[in-house]
């Protein structure tokens, strides 16, 4: 049987916490990338998704690194207790939560714009067909 020291167990647990935070951030990053992609598809008739793919990849996979790595460093320096599953200091926790809340807010604005575009397109299509229900 392989014995794991308590320090190795704690380090593995902290790595799992950091990976979890990265995955949560990537989830919100990709949700935002998909919303922006759909918005561009609706707004630009000649939109090529392949041109913007590197930017969407960077947003989905790269952006979470920008706040997870600082969170790990600050957590290690100022709140290095246990497995990092508890959040005693709110300022440290906001390093993770603030970018996620910003992504949700931007995605909400994009969603509202998408709905407005779709409603305008449906109305324009109904008017062009002579549908009297719209008038």
Protein backbone atom coordinates (compact mmCIF):
# COMPACT_ATOMS: atom_id res chain seq x y z
CA UNK A 1 0.00 0.00 0.00
CA UNK A 2 1.18 3.50 -0.84
CA UNK A 3 1.23 5.89 2.07
CA UNK A 4 0.43 9.54 1.47
CA UNK A 5 1.77 12.09 3.90
CA UNK A 6 -0.59 14.70 5.35
CA UNK A 7 1.30 17.43 3.44
CA UNK A 8 0.80 15.57 0.15
CA UNK A 9 -2.88 15.10 0.88
CA UNK A 10 -3.36 18.80 1.63
CA UNK A 11 -1.39 19.79 -1.49
CA UNK A 12 -3.52 17.45 -3.62
CA UNK A 13 -6.70 18.83 -2.10
CA UNK A 14 -5.58 22.42 -2.77
CA UNK A 15 -4.72 21.52 -6.35
CA UNK A 16 -8.21 20.04 -6.73
CA UNK A 17 -9.72 23.28 -5.34
CA UNK A 18 -7.71 25.38 -7.79
CA UNK A 19 -8.71 23.11 -10.68
CA UNK A 20 -12.35 23.33 -9.60
CA UNK A 21 -12.20 27.13 -9.56
CA UNK A 22 -10.57 27.10 -13.01
CA UNK A 23 -13.33 24.84 -14.37
CA UNK A 24 -16.05 27.05 -12.92
CA UNK A 25 -14.39 30.10 -14.46
CA UNK A 26 -14.00 28.32 -17.81
CA UNK A 27 -17.68 27.43 -17.71
CA UNK A 28 -18.67 31.07 -17.39
CA UNK A 29 -16.03 32.12 -19.92
CA UNK A 30 -17.42 29.72 -22.51
CA UNK A 31 -20.99 30.80 -21.74
CA UNK A 32 -19.94 34.37 -22.47
CA UNK A 33 -18.07 33.33 -25.62
CA UNK A 34 -21.15 31.51 -26.91
CA UNK A 35 -23.36 34.52 -26.22
CA UNK A 36 -20.96 36.85 -28.02
CA UNK A 37 -20.71 34.39 -30.92
CA UNK A 38 -24.51 34.23 -31.29
CA UNK A 39 -24.75 38.01 -31.07
CA UNK A 40 -22.16 38.43 -33.83
CA UNK A 41 -23.99 35.87 -35.98
CA UNK A 42 -27.22 37.84 -35.69
CA UNK A 43 -25.70 41.30 -36.17
CA UNK A 44 -23.15 40.68 -38.91
CA UNK A 45 -24.46 39.02 -42.06
CA UNK A 46 -20.98 38.12 -43.32
CA UNK A 47 -19.63 36.95 -39.96
CA UNK A 48 -16.96 34.27 -40.11
CA UNK A 49 -16.71 32.33 -36.87
CA UNK A 50 -13.34 30.91 -37.84
CA UNK A 51 -11.71 34.36 -37.74
CA UNK A 52 -12.86 34.94 -34.17
CA UNK A 53 -12.15 31.41 -32.95
CA UNK A 54 -8.77 32.32 -31.35
CA UNK A 55 -10.42 35.13 -29.39
CA UNK A 56 -13.22 32.83 -28.21
CA UNK A 57 -10.69 30.14 -27.25
CA UNK A 58 -8.74 32.73 -25.29
CA UNK A 59 -11.89 33.91 -23.54
CA UNK A 60 -13.08 30.40 -22.71
CA UNK A 61 -9.82 28.74 -21.67
CA UNK A 62 -7.45 31.65 -21.02
CA UNK A 63 -9.50 34.19 -19.08
CA UNK A 64 -9.99 31.94 -16.02
CA UNK A 65 -6.21 31.71 -15.63
CA UNK A 66 -6.14 35.49 -15.14
CA UNK A 67 -8.08 35.24 -11.90
CA UNK A 68 -7.42 31.69 -10.67
CA UNK A 69 -3.63 32.08 -10.57
CA UNK A 70 -3.79 35.32 -8.52
CA UNK A 71 -6.37 33.64 -6.25
CA UNK A 72 -4.00 30.70 -5.66
CA UNK A 73 -1.08 33.06 -4.90
CA UNK A 74 -3.11 35.26 -2.53
CA UNK A 75 -4.68 32.22 -0.93
CA UNK A 76 -1.24 30.68 -0.36
CA UNK A 77 0.19 33.91 1.09
CA UNK A 78 -2.71 35.13 3.24
CA UNK A 79 -5.22 32.34 3.85
CA UNK A 80 -3.21 29.14 3.64
CA UNK A 81 -5.31 26.95 5.91
CA UNK A 82 -6.71 23.51 5.33
CA UNK A 83 -7.82 22.48 1.89
CA UNK A 84 -8.92 26.00 0.86
CA UNK A 85 -12.54 24.87 0.94
CA UNK A 86 -13.53 27.57 3.44
CA UNK A 87 -13.55 31.24 2.58
CA UNK A 88 -12.81 33.19 5.74
CA UNK A 89 -11.57 36.37 4.05
CA UNK A 90 -14.11 37.91 1.69
CA UNK A 91 -11.51 39.93 -0.23
CA UNK A 92 -9.72 36.75 -1.28
CA UNK A 93 -13.01 35.16 -2.36
CA UNK A 94 -13.90 38.18 -4.50
CA UNK A 95 -10.81 37.51 -6.66
CA UNK A 96 -12.78 34.51 -7.96
CA UNK A 97 -16.33 35.86 -7.76
CA UNK A 98 -15.87 39.32 -9.30
CA UNK A 99 -14.84 38.12 -12.80
CA UNK A 100 -17.63 35.54 -12.76
CA UNK A 101 -20.22 38.15 -11.80
CA UNK A 102 -18.90 40.45 -14.53
CA UNK A 103 -19.23 37.63 -17.09
CA UNK A 104 -22.80 36.99 -15.95
CA UNK A 105 -23.66 40.71 -16.20
CA UNK A 106 -22.16 41.06 -19.68
CA UNK A 107 -23.88 37.87 -20.78
CA UNK A 108 -27.20 39.22 -19.51
CA UNK A 109 -26.77 42.40 -21.58
CA UNK A 110 -25.84 40.31 -24.62
CA UNK A 111 -28.89 38.10 -24.03
CA UNK A 112 -31.23 41.11 -23.89
CA UNK A 113 -29.71 42.45 -27.13
CA UNK A 114 -30.13 39.06 -28.81
CA UNK A 115 -33.79 38.91 -27.80
CA UNK A 116 -34.36 42.45 -29.14
CA UNK A 117 -32.70 41.54 -32.45
CA UNK A 118 -34.78 38.37 -32.79
CA UNK A 119 -38.03 40.19 -31.98
CA UNK A 120 -37.20 42.90 -34.54
CA UNK A 121 -36.43 40.26 -37.20
CA UNK A 122 -39.66 38.35 -36.51
CA UNK A 123 -41.71 41.55 -36.71
CA UNK A 124 -40.02 42.62 -39.93
CA UNK A 125 -40.67 39.19 -41.43
CA UNK A 126 -44.35 39.28 -40.39
CA UNK A 127 -44.83 42.79 -41.81
CA UNK A 128 -43.23 41.80 -45.11
CA UNK A 129 -45.65 38.88 -45.38
CA UNK A 130 -48.61 41.17 -44.80
CA UNK A 131 -49.56 39.57 -41.50
CA UNK A 132 -52.36 41.68 -40.02
CA UNK A 133 -51.80 40.45 -36.46
CA UNK A 134 -48.74 42.70 -36.14
CA UNK A 135 -50.53 45.89 -37.15
